[in-house]
C-alpha atoms as a PDB file:
ATOM      1  CA  UNK A   1     -24.688 -27.320   2.067  1.00  0.00           C
ATOM      2  CA  UNK A   2     -22.893 -26.075  -1.214  1.00  0.00           C
ATOM      3  CA  UNK A   3     -22.349 -29.286  -2.591  1.00  0.00           C
ATOM      4  CA  UNK A   4     -22.949 -32.965  -2.249  1.00  0.00           C
ATOM      5  CA  UNK A   5     -22.028 -36.524  -3.630  1.00  0.00           C
ATOM      6  CA  UNK A   6     -25.159 -38.356  -3.330  1.00  0.00           C
ATOM      7  CA  UNK A   7     -25.407 -42.227  -2.556  1.00  0.00           C
ATOM      8  CA  UNK A   8     -27.999 -43.566  -5.760  1.00  0.00           C
ATOM      9  CA  UNK A   9     -26.801 -46.988  -4.658  1.00  0.00           C
ATOM     10  CA  UNK A  10     -25.108 -49.109  -2.420  1.00  0.00           C
ATOM     11  CA  UNK A  11     -24.530 -53.184  -2.831  1.00  0.00           C
ATOM     12  CA  UNK A  12     -21.405 -53.419  -0.657  1.00  0.00           C
ATOM     13  CA  UNK A  13     -19.385 -52.024   2.604  1.00  0.00           C
ATOM     14  CA  UNK A  14     -18.725 -48.580   1.902  1.00  0.00           C
ATOM     15  CA  UNK A  15     -17.335 -46.075   4.414  1.00  0.00           C
ATOM     16  CA  UNK A  16     -15.191 -43.056   4.947  1.00  0.00           C
ATOM     17  CA  UNK A  17     -11.528 -43.435   6.428  1.00  0.00           C
ATOM     18  CA  UNK A  18      -8.670 -41.112   6.720  1.00  0.00           C
ATOM     19  CA  UNK A  19      -5.216 -42.192   7.817  1.00  0.00           C
ATOM     20  CA  UNK A  20      -6.777 -42.606  11.721  1.00  0.00           C
ATOM     21  CA  UNK A  21      -8.061 -41.344  14.881  1.00  0.00           C
ATOM     22  CA  UNK A  22      -4.562 -41.132  17.013  1.00  0.00           C
ATOM     23  CA  UNK A  23      -4.099 -40.057  20.308  1.00  0.00           C
ATOM     24  CA  UNK A  24      -6.832 -41.322  21.808  1.00  0.00           C
ATOM     25  CA  UNK A  25      -5.672 -44.993  22.644  1.00  0.00           C
ATOM     26  CA  UNK A  26      -5.185 -44.475  26.573  1.00  0.00           C
ATOM     27  CA  UNK A  27      -8.888 -43.755  26.617  1.00  0.00           C
ATOM     28  CA  UNK A  28      -9.688 -47.178  24.483  1.00  0.00           C
ATOM     29  CA  UNK A  29     -10.721 -45.758  21.096  1.00  0.00           C
ATOM     30  CA  UNK A  30      -8.685 -47.967  18.560  1.00  0.00           C
ATOM     31  CA  UNK A  31      -7.036 -45.781  15.796  1.00  0.00           C
ATOM     32  CA  UNK A  32      -8.897 -47.318  12.766  1.00  0.00           C
ATOM     33  CA  UNK A  33      -8.321 -45.419   9.420  1.00  0.00           C
ATOM     34  CA  UNK A  34      -7.707 -46.824   5.857  1.00  0.00           C
ATOM     35  CA  UNK A  35      -7.246 -50.770   5.825  1.00  0.00           C
ATOM     36  CA  UNK A  36      -4.554 -50.276   2.994  1.00  0.00           C
ATOM     37  CA  UNK A  37      -2.887 -46.648   3.666  1.00  0.00           C
ATOM     38  CA  UNK A  38      -1.318 -46.786   0.307  1.00  0.00           C
ATOM     39  CA  UNK A  39      -3.877 -46.880  -1.601  1.00  0.00           C
ATOM     40  CA  UNK A  40      -5.750 -43.917   0.176  1.00  0.00           C
ATOM     41  CA  UNK A  41      -2.504 -41.933  -0.321  1.00  0.00           C
ATOM     42  CA  UNK A  42      -2.367 -42.669  -3.591  1.00  0.00           C
ATOM     43  CA  UNK A  43      -5.482 -41.632  -4.307  1.00  0.00           C
ATOM     44  CA  UNK A  44      -5.261 -38.524  -2.978  1.00  0.00           C
ATOM     45  CA  UNK A  45      -2.181 -37.560  -4.397  1.00  0.00           C
ATOM     46  CA  UNK A  46      -3.847 -38.021  -7.549  1.00  0.00           C
ATOM     47  CA  UNK A  47      -6.380 -35.285  -6.802  1.00  0.00           C
ATOM     48  CA  UNK A  48      -4.319 -33.058  -5.155  1.00  0.00           C
ATOM     49  CA  UNK A  49      -5.154 -33.804  -1.087  1.00  0.00           C
ATOM     50  CA  UNK A  50      -2.718 -34.467   1.244  1.00  0.00           C
ATOM     51  CA  UNK A  51      -2.390 -37.994   2.181  1.00  0.00           C
ATOM     52  CA  UNK A  52      -4.710 -38.002   5.132  1.00  0.00           C
ATOM     53  CA  UNK A  53      -7.593 -36.289   3.979  1.00  0.00           C
ATOM     54  CA  UNK A  54     -10.476 -39.034   4.238  1.00  0.00           C
ATOM     55  CA  UNK A  55     -11.901 -40.892   1.464  1.00  0.00           C
ATOM     56  CA  UNK A  56     -14.646 -43.529   0.442  1.00  0.00           C
ATOM     57  CA  UNK A  57     -13.050 -47.127   1.016  1.00  0.00           C
ATOM     58  CA  UNK A  58     -15.272 -49.870  -0.440  1.00  0.00           C
ATOM     59  CA  UNK A  59     -14.894 -53.456  -0.112  1.00  0.00           C
ATOM     60  CA  UNK A  60     -14.765 -55.456  -3.644  1.00  0.00           C
ATOM     61  CA  UNK A  61     -17.114 -52.490  -5.179  1.00  0.00           C
ATOM     62  CA  UNK A  62     -18.259 -49.236  -4.590  1.00  0.00           C
ATOM     63  CA  UNK A  63     -21.675 -47.034  -4.892  1.00  0.00           C
ATOM     64  CA  UNK A  64     -22.619 -45.372  -7.160  1.00  0.00           C
ATOM     65  CA  UNK A  65     -22.509 -41.635  -7.105  1.00  0.00           C
ATOM     66  CA  UNK A  66     -24.366 -38.869  -8.187  1.00  0.00           C
ATOM     67  CA  UNK A  67     -22.968 -35.366  -7.967  1.00  0.00           C
ATOM     68  CA  UNK A  68     -25.139 -32.678  -6.138  1.00  0.00           C
ATOM     69  CA  UNK A  69     -22.385 -29.596  -6.760  1.00  0.00           C
ATOM     70  CA  UNK A  70     -21.430 -27.554  -9.165  1.00  0.00           C
ATOM     71  CA  UNK A  71     -18.432 -29.789 -10.041  1.00  0.00           C
ATOM     72  CA  UNK A  72     -15.830 -32.383  -8.691  1.00  0.00           C
ATOM     73  CA  UNK A  73     -12.484 -34.088  -9.167  1.00  0.00           C
ATOM     74  CA  UNK A  74     -12.424 -37.726  -8.110  1.00  0.00           C
ATOM     75  CA  UNK A  75     -10.201 -40.571  -8.843  1.00  0.00           C
ATOM     76  CA  UNK A  76     -10.191 -44.192  -7.282  1.00  0.00           C
ATOM     77  CA  UNK A  77      -7.139 -46.687  -6.922  1.00  0.00           C
ATOM     78  CA  UNK A  78      -8.512 -50.432  -6.970  1.00  0.00           C
ATOM     79  CA  UNK A  79     -11.209 -49.972  -9.369  1.00  0.00           C
ATOM     80  CA  UNK A  80     -12.147 -48.274 -12.347  1.00  0.00           C
ATOM     81  CA  UNK A  81     -14.652 -45.719 -12.825  1.00  0.00           C
ATOM     82  CA  UNK A  82     -17.565 -45.663 -14.831  1.00  0.00           C
ATOM     83  CA  UNK A  83     -19.056 -42.262 -15.764  1.00  0.00           C
ATOM     84  CA  UNK A  84     -22.451 -41.419 -17.523  1.00  0.00           C
ATOM     85  CA  UNK A  85     -22.783 -37.616 -17.960  1.00  0.00           C
ATOM     86  CA  UNK A  86     -25.830 -36.004 -17.359  1.00  0.00           C
ATOM     87  CA  UNK A  87     -26.706 -36.223 -21.418  1.00  0.00           C
ATOM     88  CA  UNK A  88     -26.501 -39.609 -20.727  1.00  0.00           C
ATOM     89  CA  UNK A  89     -23.215 -40.664 -22.632  1.00  0.00           C
ATOM     90  CA  UNK A  90     -20.687 -43.333 -21.030  1.00  0.00           C
ATOM     91  CA  UNK A  91     -17.294 -44.031 -20.434  1.00  0.00           C
ATOM     92  CA  UNK A  92     -14.825 -45.575 -18.241  1.00  0.00           C
ATOM     93  CA  UNK A  93     -11.927 -44.441 -16.327  1.00  0.00           C
ATOM     94  CA  UNK A  94      -9.282 -46.221 -15.177  1.00  0.00           C
ATOM     95  CA  UNK A  95      -7.934 -46.515 -11.943  1.00  0.00           C
ATOM     96  CA  UNK A  96      -5.054 -44.499 -10.967  1.00  0.00           C
ATOM     97  CA  UNK A  97      -6.777 -41.703 -13.226  1.00  0.00           C
ATOM     98  CA  UNK A  98      -8.466 -38.176 -12.080  1.00  0.00           C
ATOM     99  CA  UNK A  99     -11.735 -37.179 -13.808  1.00  0.00           C
ATOM    100  CA  UNK A 100     -13.823 -33.800 -13.628  1.00  0.00           C
ATOM    101  CA  UNK A 101     -17.459 -34.304 -13.112  1.00  0.00           C
ATOM    102  CA  UNK A 102     -20.386 -32.030 -13.380  1.00  0.00           C
ATOM    103  CA  UNK A 103     -23.305 -31.402 -11.488  1.00  0.00           C
ATOM    104  CA  UNK A 104     -25.982 -34.559 -12.526  1.00  0.00           C
ATOM    105  CA  UNK A 105     -23.252 -36.546 -13.446  1.00  0.00           C
ATOM    106  CA  UNK A 106     -23.327 -40.270 -11.961  1.00  0.00           C
ATOM    107  CA  UNK A 107     -20.293 -42.298 -11.162  1.00  0.00           C
ATOM    108  CA  UNK A 108     -20.031 -45.573 -10.253  1.00  0.00           C
ATOM    109  CA  UNK A 109     -16.852 -47.466  -8.553  1.00  0.00           C
ATOM    110  CA  UNK A 110     -15.707 -51.015  -9.004  1.00  0.00           C
ATOM    111  CA  UNK A 111     -15.860 -53.948  -8.921  1.00  0.00           C
ATOM    112  CA  UNK A 112     -12.099 -54.099  -7.545  1.00  0.00           C
ATOM    113  CA  UNK A 113      -9.803 -55.242  -9.814  1.00  0.00           C
ATOM    114  CA  UNK A 114      -7.165 -58.025  -7.922  1.00  0.00           C
ATOM    115  CA  UNK A 115      -8.046 -55.955  -4.157  1.00  0.00           C
ATOM    116  CA  UNK A 116     -10.425 -56.403  -1.706  1.00  0.00           C
ATOM    117  CA  UNK A 117     -10.489 -53.179  -1.394  1.00  0.00           C
ATOM    118  CA  UNK A 118     -10.855 -49.939  -3.194  1.00  0.00           C
ATOM    119  CA  UNK A 119     -10.541 -45.711  -2.309  1.00  0.00           C
ATOM    120  CA  UNK A 120     -12.114 -42.972  -4.130  1.00  0.00           C
ATOM    121  CA  UNK A 121     -10.570 -39.915  -3.340  1.00  0.00           C
ATOM    122  CA  UNK A 122     -12.582 -36.294  -3.671  1.00  0.00           C
ATOM    123  CA  UNK A 123     -10.506 -32.984  -4.398  1.00  0.00           C
ATOM    124  CA  UNK A 124     -10.563 -31.042  -1.616  1.00  0.00           C
ATOM    125  CA  UNK A 125     -12.057 -33.785   0.937  1.00  0.00           C
ATOM    126  CA  UNK A 126     -15.561 -34.220   2.684  1.00  0.00           C
ATOM    127  CA  UNK A 127     -16.787 -31.316   4.577  1.00  0.00           C
ATOM    128  CA  UNK A 128     -17.874 -33.258   7.705  1.00  0.00           C
ATOM    129  CA  UNK A 129     -16.967 -32.358  11.297  1.00  0.00           C
ATOM    130  CA  UNK A 130     -15.488 -35.895  12.342  1.00  0.00           C
ATOM    131  CA  UNK A 131     -15.107 -37.428  15.734  1.00  0.00           C
ATOM    132  CA  UNK A 132     -12.057 -37.166  17.635  1.00  0.00           C
ATOM    133  CA  UNK A 133     -10.377 -35.261  15.649  1.00  0.00           C
ATOM    134  CA  UNK A 134     -10.535 -37.514  12.367  1.00  0.00           C
ATOM    135  CA  UNK A 135     -13.010 -38.725   9.608  1.00  0.00           C
ATOM    136  CA  UNK A 136     -11.856 -42.295  10.118  1.00  0.00           C
ATOM    137  CA  UNK A 137     -15.619 -44.679  10.589  1.00  0.00           C
ATOM    138  CA  UNK A 138     -15.378 -47.279  13.465  1.00  0.00           C
ATOM    139  CA  UNK A 139     -18.609 -48.614  13.076  1.00  0.00           C
ATOM    140  CA  UNK A 140     -18.582 -50.301  16.346  1.00  0.00           C
ATOM    141  CA  UNK A 141     -18.660 -47.227  18.067  1.00  0.00           C
ATOM    142  CA  UNK A 142     -20.390 -45.468  15.934  1.00  0.00           C
ATOM    143  CA  UNK A 143     -17.697 -42.857  15.348  1.00  0.00           C
ATOM    144  CA  UNK A 144     -16.620 -40.710  12.211  1.00  0.00           C
ATOM    145  CA  UNK A 145     -18.016 -40.855   8.865  1.00  0.00           C
ATOM    146  CA  UNK A 146     -21.533 -40.544   8.255  1.00  0.00           C
ATOM    147  CA  UNK A 147     -23.270 -40.943  11.809  1.00  0.00           C
ATOM    148  CA  UNK A 148     -20.516 -43.843  12.337  1.00  0.00           C
ATOM    149  CA  UNK A 149     -21.742 -46.208   9.773  1.00  0.00           C
ATOM    150  CA  UNK A 150     -21.074 -47.831   6.280  1.00  0.00           C
ATOM    151  CA  UNK A 151     -23.101 -45.353   3.319  1.00  0.00           C
ATOM    152  CA  UNK A 152     -26.477 -46.450   2.723  1.00  0.00           C
ATOM    153  CA  UNK A 153     -29.195 -45.407  -0.551  1.00  0.00           C
ATOM    154  CA  UNK A 154     -29.914 -41.495   0.296  1.00  0.00           C
ATOM    155  CA  UNK A 155     -26.793 -40.423   1.771  1.00  0.00           C
ATOM    156  CA  UNK A 156     -24.817 -36.930   0.705  1.00  0.00           C
ATOM    157  CA  UNK A 157     -21.568 -36.643   0.926  1.00  0.00           C
ATOM    158  CA  UNK A 158     -21.061 -32.848   1.650  1.00  0.00           C
ATOM    159  CA  UNK A 159     -17.970 -31.229  -0.274  1.00  0.00           C
ATOM    160  CA  UNK A 160     -15.517 -29.240   1.078  1.00  0.00           C
ATOM    161  CA  UNK A 161     -15.549 -27.630  -2.515  1.00  0.00           C
ATOM    162  CA  UNK A 162     -18.843 -26.526  -4.764  1.00  0.00           C
ATOM    163  CA  UNK A 163     -16.780 -26.291  -7.488  1.00  0.00           C
ATOM    164  CA  UNK A 164     -13.414 -27.125  -8.999  1.00  0.00           C
ATOM    165  CA  UNK A 165     -11.006 -25.606 -11.645  1.00  0.00           C
ATOM    166  CA  UNK A 166     -10.801 -27.295 -15.349  1.00  0.00           C
ATOM    167  CA  UNK A 167      -7.580 -28.341 -15.462  1.00  0.00           C
ATOM    168  CA  UNK A 168      -5.434 -30.917 -16.981  1.00  0.00           C
ATOM    169  CA  UNK A 169      -5.682 -34.352 -15.442  1.00  0.00           C
ATOM    170  CA  UNK A 170      -3.574 -36.709 -13.620  1.00  0.00           C
ATOM    171  CA  UNK A 171      -2.452 -40.280 -13.380  1.00  0.00           C
ATOM    172  CA  UNK A 172      -0.412 -42.028 -10.609  1.00  0.00           C
ATOM    173  CA  UNK A 173       2.525 -44.162 -12.285  1.00  0.00           C
ATOM    174  CA  UNK A 174       2.528 -47.458 -12.053  1.00  0.00           C
ATOM    175  CA  UNK A 175       2.151 -49.345  -8.721  1.00  0.00           C
ATOM    176  CA  UNK A 176       2.030 -52.853  -8.294  1.00  0.00           C
ATOM    177  CA  UNK A 177      -0.462 -53.627  -5.413  1.00  0.00           C
ATOM    178  CA  UNK A 178      -0.133 -57.348  -5.537  1.00  0.00           C
ATOM    179  CA  UNK A 179       0.658 -58.288  -1.731  1.00  0.00           C
ATOM    180  CA  UNK A 180       4.610 -59.478  -1.440  1.00  0.00           C
ATOM    181  CA  UNK A 181       5.037 -63.462  -1.752  1.00  0.00           C
ATOM    182  CA  UNK A 182       6.109 -63.104   2.441  1.00  0.00           C
ATOM    183  CA  UNK A 183       4.715 -61.041   4.867  1.00  0.00           C
ATOM    184  CA  UNK A 184       7.616 -59.649   6.821  1.00  0.00           C
ATOM    185  CA  UNK A 185       7.775 -59.872  10.195  1.00  0.00           C
ATOM    186  CA  UNK A 186       9.475 -58.864  13.458  1.00  0.00           C
ATOM    187  CA  UNK A 187       9.528 -61.720  16.080  1.00  0.00           C
ATOM    188  CA  UNK A 188       8.139 -60.483  19.805  1.00  0.00           C
ATOM    189  CA  UNK A 189       7.013 -59.010  21.565  1.00  0.00           C
ATOM    190  CA  UNK A 190       6.013 -62.527  23.090  1.00  0.00           C
ATOM    191  CA  UNK A 191       7.183 -64.772  21.275  1.00  0.00           C
ATOM    192  CA  UNK A 192       8.775 -66.392  24.657  1.00  0.00           C
ATOM    193  CA  UNK A 193       5.138 -67.654  25.386  1.00  0.00           C
ATOM    194  CA  UNK A 194       5.557 -69.905  22.413  1.00  0.00           C
ATOM    195  CA  UNK A 195       7.168 -73.044  21.986  1.00  0.00           C
ATOM    196  CA  UNK A 196      10.944 -73.106  19.776  1.00  0.00           C
ATOM    197  CA  UNK A 197       9.644 -74.478  16.987  1.00  0.00           C
ATOM    198  CA  UNK A 198       6.166 -72.316  16.825  1.00  0.00           C
ATOM    199  CA  UNK A 199       8.326 -69.530  15.329  1.00  0.00           C
ATOM    200  CA  UNK A 200       9.611 -71.711  13.214  1.00  0.00           C
ATOM    201  CA  UNK A 201       6.464 -73.084  12.012  1.00  0.00           C
ATOM    202  CA  UNK A 202       5.406 -69.361  11.285  1.00  0.00           C
ATOM    203  CA  UNK A 203       7.706 -68.464   8.724  1.00  0.00           C
ATOM    204  CA  UNK A 204       7.721 -71.961   6.908  1.00  0.00           C
ATOM    205  CA  UNK A 205       3.981 -72.523   6.891  1.00  0.00           C
ATOM    206  CA  UNK A 206       1.619 -71.206   4.206  1.00  0.00           C
ATOM    207  CA  UNK A 207      -1.759 -69.907   6.218  1.00  0.00           C
ATOM    208  CA  UNK A 208      -5.342 -68.873   4.455  1.00  0.00           C
ATOM    209  CA  UNK A 209      -6.946 -65.366   4.727  1.00  0.00           C
ATOM    210  CA  UNK A 210     -10.437 -67.039   6.784  1.00  0.00           C
ATOM    211  CA  UNK A 211     -13.613 -65.469   6.350  1.00  0.00           C
ATOM    212  CA  UNK A 212     -14.070 -64.739   9.342  1.00  0.00           C
ATOM    213  CA  UNK A 213     -11.454 -61.596   9.009  1.00  0.00           C
ATOM    214  CA  UNK A 214     -12.745 -58.094   9.343  1.00  0.00           C
ATOM    215  CA  UNK A 215     -11.209 -54.698   9.962  1.00  0.00           C
ATOM    216  CA  UNK A 216     -10.201 -55.513  13.436  1.00  0.00           C
ATOM    217  CA  UNK A 217      -8.190 -58.235  12.306  1.00  0.00           C
ATOM    218  CA  UNK A 218      -7.271 -61.019   9.881  1.00  0.00           C
ATOM    219  CA  UNK A 219      -8.086 -64.330  10.961  1.00  0.00           C
ATOM    220  CA  UNK A 220      -5.376 -66.804   9.478  1.00  0.00           C
ATOM    221  CA  UNK A 221      -5.997 -71.187   8.728  1.00  0.00           C
ATOM    222  CA  UNK A 222      -3.363 -73.157   8.852  1.00  0.00           C
ATOM    223  CA  UNK A 223      -0.763 -75.048  10.823  1.00  0.00           C
ATOM    224  CA  UNK A 224      -1.288 -74.559  15.057  1.00  0.00           C
ATOM    225  CA  UNK A 225       1.590 -72.389  16.974  1.00  0.00           C
ATOM    226  CA  UNK A 226       2.016 -74.239  19.977  1.00  0.00           C
ATOM    227  CA  UNK A 227       1.957 -71.987  23.608  1.00  0.00           C
ATOM    228  CA  UNK A 228       4.433 -72.981  25.758  1.00  0.00           C
ATOM    229  CA  UNK A 229       3.510 -70.762  29.126  1.00  0.00           C
ATOM    230  CA  UNK A 230      -0.430 -71.320  28.319  1.00  0.00           C
ATOM    231  CA  UNK A 231      -2.436 -68.319  26.075  1.00  0.00           C
ATOM    232  CA  UNK A 232      -3.856 -65.426  28.123  1.00  0.00           C
ATOM    233  CA  UNK A 233      -1.432 -62.667  29.565  1.00  0.00           C
ATOM    234  CA  UNK A 234      -2.133 -59.366  31.154  1.00  0.00           C
ATOM    235  CA  UNK A 235      -3.175 -57.266  28.773  1.00  0.00           C
ATOM    236  CA  UNK A 236      -0.925 -54.621  27.022  1.00  0.00           C
ATOM    237  CA  UNK A 237      -1.137 -52.429  23.906  1.00  0.00           C
ATOM    238  CA  UNK A 238      -1.558 -53.471  20.483  1.00  0.00           C
ATOM    239  CA  UNK A 239       0.376 -52.403  17.585  1.00  0.00           C
ATOM    240  CA  UNK A 240      -0.864 -52.326  13.520  1.00  0.00           C
ATOM    241  CA  UNK A 241       0.301 -56.091  12.555  1.00  0.00           C
ATOM    242  CA  UNK A 242       0.875 -57.337  15.561  1.00  0.00           C
ATOM    243  CA  UNK A 243      -0.023 -61.349  15.308  1.00  0.00           C
ATOM    244  CA  UNK A 244      -1.915 -62.453  18.575  1.00  0.00           C
ATOM    245  CA  UNK A 245      -2.210 -66.071  19.082  1.00  0.00           C
ATOM    246  CA  UNK A 246      -5.404 -67.540  20.811  1.00  0.00           C
ATOM    247  CA  UNK A 247      -5.957 -70.459  22.579  1.00  0.00           C
ATOM    248  CA  UNK A 248      -6.644 -72.444  19.214  1.00  0.00           C
ATOM    249  CA  UNK A 249      -3.480 -71.971  18.501  1.00  0.00           C
ATOM    250  CA  UNK A 250      -4.260 -69.934  14.917  1.00  0.00           C
ATOM    251  CA  UNK A 251      -3.069 -66.931  14.536  1.00  0.00           C
ATOM    252  CA  UNK A 252      -5.112 -63.314  13.969  1.00  0.00           C
ATOM    253  CA  UNK A 253      -3.099 -60.306  12.246  1.00  0.00           C
ATOM    254  CA  UNK A 254      -4.482 -56.891  13.739  1.00  0.00           C
ATOM    255  CA  UNK A 255      -5.592 -54.314  11.666  1.00  0.00           C
ATOM    256  CA  UNK A 256      -6.733 -50.659  11.325  1.00  0.00           C
ATOM    257  CA  UNK A 257     -10.023 -51.884  14.092  1.00  0.00           C
ATOM    258  CA  UNK A 258      -7.955 -53.581  16.340  1.00  0.00           C
ATOM    259  CA  UNK A 259      -8.622 -53.174  20.261  1.00  0.00           C
ATOM    260  CA  UNK A 260      -5.977 -50.504  22.483  1.00  0.00           C
ATOM    261  CA  UNK A 261      -4.902 -53.621  23.903  1.00  0.00           C
ATOM    262  CA  UNK A 262      -5.060 -57.137  24.341  1.00  0.00           C
ATOM    263  CA  UNK A 263      -4.699 -60.603  26.283  1.00  0.00           C
ATOM    264  CA  UNK A 264      -3.275 -63.205  24.122  1.00  0.00           C
ATOM    265  CA  UNK A 265       0.347 -63.772  23.659  1.00  0.00           C
ATOM    266  CA  UNK A 266       1.934 -61.784  20.713  1.00  0.00           C
ATOM    267  CA  UNK A 267       4.312 -64.251  18.551  1.00  0.00           C
ATOM    268  CA  UNK A 268       5.367 -61.458  16.099  1.00  0.00           C
ATOM    269  CA  UNK A 269       4.338 -58.133  14.715  1.00  0.00           C
ATOM    270  CA  UNK A 270       4.177 -57.547  10.664  1.00  0.00           C
ATOM    271  CA  UNK A 271       7.024 -54.768   9.453  1.00  0.00           C
ATOM    272  CA  UNK A 272       4.607 -51.664   8.757  1.00  0.00           C
ATOM    273  CA  UNK A 273       5.610 -51.151   5.523  1.00  0.00           C
ATOM    274  CA  UNK A 274       4.101 -54.587   4.916  1.00  0.00           C
ATOM    275  CA  UNK A 275       0.886 -54.022   6.762  1.00  0.00           C
ATOM    276  CA  UNK A 276      -0.820 -51.922   3.859  1.00  0.00           C
ATOM    277  CA  UNK A 277      -0.874 -55.167   1.316  1.00  0.00           C
ATOM    278  CA  UNK A 278      -2.514 -57.022   4.168  1.00  0.00           C
ATOM    279  CA  UNK A 279      -5.596 -54.976   3.745  1.00  0.00           C
ATOM    280  CA  UNK A 280      -5.606 -56.028   0.036  1.00  0.00           C
ATOM    281  CA  UNK A 281      -5.934 -59.825   0.590  1.00  0.00           C
ATOM    282  CA  UNK A 282      -9.514 -61.245   0.013  1.00  0.00           C
ATOM    283  CA  UNK A 283     -10.851 -64.476   2.054  1.00  0.00           C
ATOM    284  CA  UNK A 284      -9.306 -67.247   1.032  1.00  0.00           C
ATOM    285  CA  UNK A 285      -5.945 -65.594  -0.109  1.00  0.00           C
ATOM    286  CA  UNK A 286      -3.097 -67.340   0.519  1.00  0.00           C
ATOM    287  CA  UNK A 287      -0.470 -65.739   3.283  1.00  0.00           C
ATOM    288  CA  UNK A 288       3.239 -66.452   4.174  1.00  0.00           C
ATOM    289  CA  UNK A 289       5.990 -64.716   6.474  1.00  0.00           C
ATOM    290  CA  UNK A 290       9.753 -64.044   6.684  1.00  0.00           C
ATOM    291  CA  UNK A 291      11.480 -62.877  10.054  1.00  0.00           C
ATOM    292  CA  UNK A 292      13.601 -59.533   9.469  1.00  0.00           C
ATOM    293  CA  UNK A 293      15.254 -57.749  12.122  1.00  0.00           C
ATOM    294  CA  UNK A 294      13.914 -54.496  13.301  1.00  0.00           C
ATOM    295  CA  UNK A 295      16.552 -52.540  11.165  1.00  0.00           C
ATOM    296  CA  UNK A 296      15.534 -54.376   8.498  1.00  0.00           C
ATOM    297  CA  UNK A 297      11.847 -53.221   8.642  1.00  0.00           C
ATOM    298  CA  UNK A 298      12.792 -49.671   9.239  1.00  0.00           C
ATOM    299  CA  UNK A 299      14.464 -49.727   6.493  1.00  0.00           C
ATOM    300  CA  UNK A 300      11.533 -50.983   4.263  1.00  0.00           C
ATOM    301  CA  UNK A 301       9.132 -48.390   5.765  1.00  0.00           C
ATOM    302  CA  UNK A 302      11.787 -45.969   4.733  1.00  0.00           C
ATOM    303  CA  UNK A 303      12.150 -46.941   1.043  1.00  0.00           C
ATOM    304  CA  UNK A 304       7.914 -47.476   0.891  1.00  0.00           C
ATOM    305  CA  UNK A 305       8.277 -43.595   2.055  1.00  0.00           C
ATOM    306  CA  UNK A 306      10.240 -42.422  -0.093  1.00  0.00           C
ATOM    307  CA  UNK A 307       8.395 -44.062  -3.310  1.00  0.00           C
ATOM    308  CA  UNK A 308       5.588 -42.703  -2.164  1.00  0.00           C
ATOM    309  CA  UNK A 309       6.735 -39.044  -2.117  1.00  0.00           C
ATOM    310  CA  UNK A 310       8.448 -39.716  -5.397  1.00  0.00           C
ATOM    311  CA  UNK A 311       4.985 -40.573  -7.011  1.00  0.00           C
ATOM    312  CA  UNK A 312       3.361 -37.222  -5.813  1.00  0.00           C
ATOM    313  CA  UNK A 313       6.246 -35.362  -8.068  1.00  0.00           C
ATOM    314  CA  UNK A 314       6.051 -38.190 -10.881  1.00  0.00           C
ATOM    315  CA  UNK A 315       2.230 -37.747 -11.903  1.00  0.00           C
ATOM    316  CA  UNK A 316       1.502 -37.952 -15.368  1.00  0.00           C
ATOM    317  CA  UNK A 317      -0.580 -34.838 -16.813  1.00  0.00           C
ATOM    318  CA  UNK A 318      -3.626 -36.349 -19.201  1.00  0.00           C
ATOM    319  CA  UNK A 319      -6.003 -34.567 -21.652  1.00  0.00           C
ATOM    320  CA  UNK A 320      -7.476 -31.414 -20.043  1.00  0.00           C
ATOM    321  CA  UNK A 321     -11.195 -32.079 -18.786  1.00  0.00           C
ATOM    322  CA  UNK A 322     -14.184 -30.163 -19.358  1.00  0.00           C
END
């Protein structure tokens, strides 16, 4: 190992995630990947990585890491960095800005500002083999990351680059990470399994994110969606943002670690452009929905991709780091 980040302390769930493990769902392996792919991609852009590079996904706050390499460049989205140099001097690096650190320096991520998850990207990424083509951690099956689990004190994260060049640091243009007032959904594929008023209930009601939510699915509390044909179907494929409704009538929005198939009817699917915002919602947050057509959902995704492409070309240059 030529260089690493060592976990000095970790007080929350923190694990490696990239854009997911594709091509394995036919074998029952979930895609996994980052809950908030937009924040992951912005963090990678700031340090010059490809979109899909693995980064640390941290809930509520991040760990304290020590640099065990010649130098490393990092950037966080969703939380500021507290940096303490090996000589003892400290400073704060705002979210969305890169910083170059030297051997013996320590950094602490968090707490998250207004979001559930923050991301820490490292220039060059991590020198880990991954599983089935991805570094994404899927803890239920022990895949990816470090031994398929969240990080713990004492872990070493090997770096692909033992040193990074000194250069001007970069900062991401302002990006509003606040979730939309109403999340866009396309009805189906099994909306005909519900009473006529259920569709209206979904788009006219406010729901609360349950504390029982996790990376598999966001459980919602609020008005019940009434089934018309029972709550069991022949299991079929799921998608990011599928809104399935079990027997209690309370919707569950499927997220990154969703199962590959499900046997509850799905009343609607969240537009892909809005799925990353779901990953930022903390338990207790309020969420509402609005119905759109497939064409509108596709246009929203094209707009999101154009904004992310423009962000890469619009990174601001700030003072030269050491």
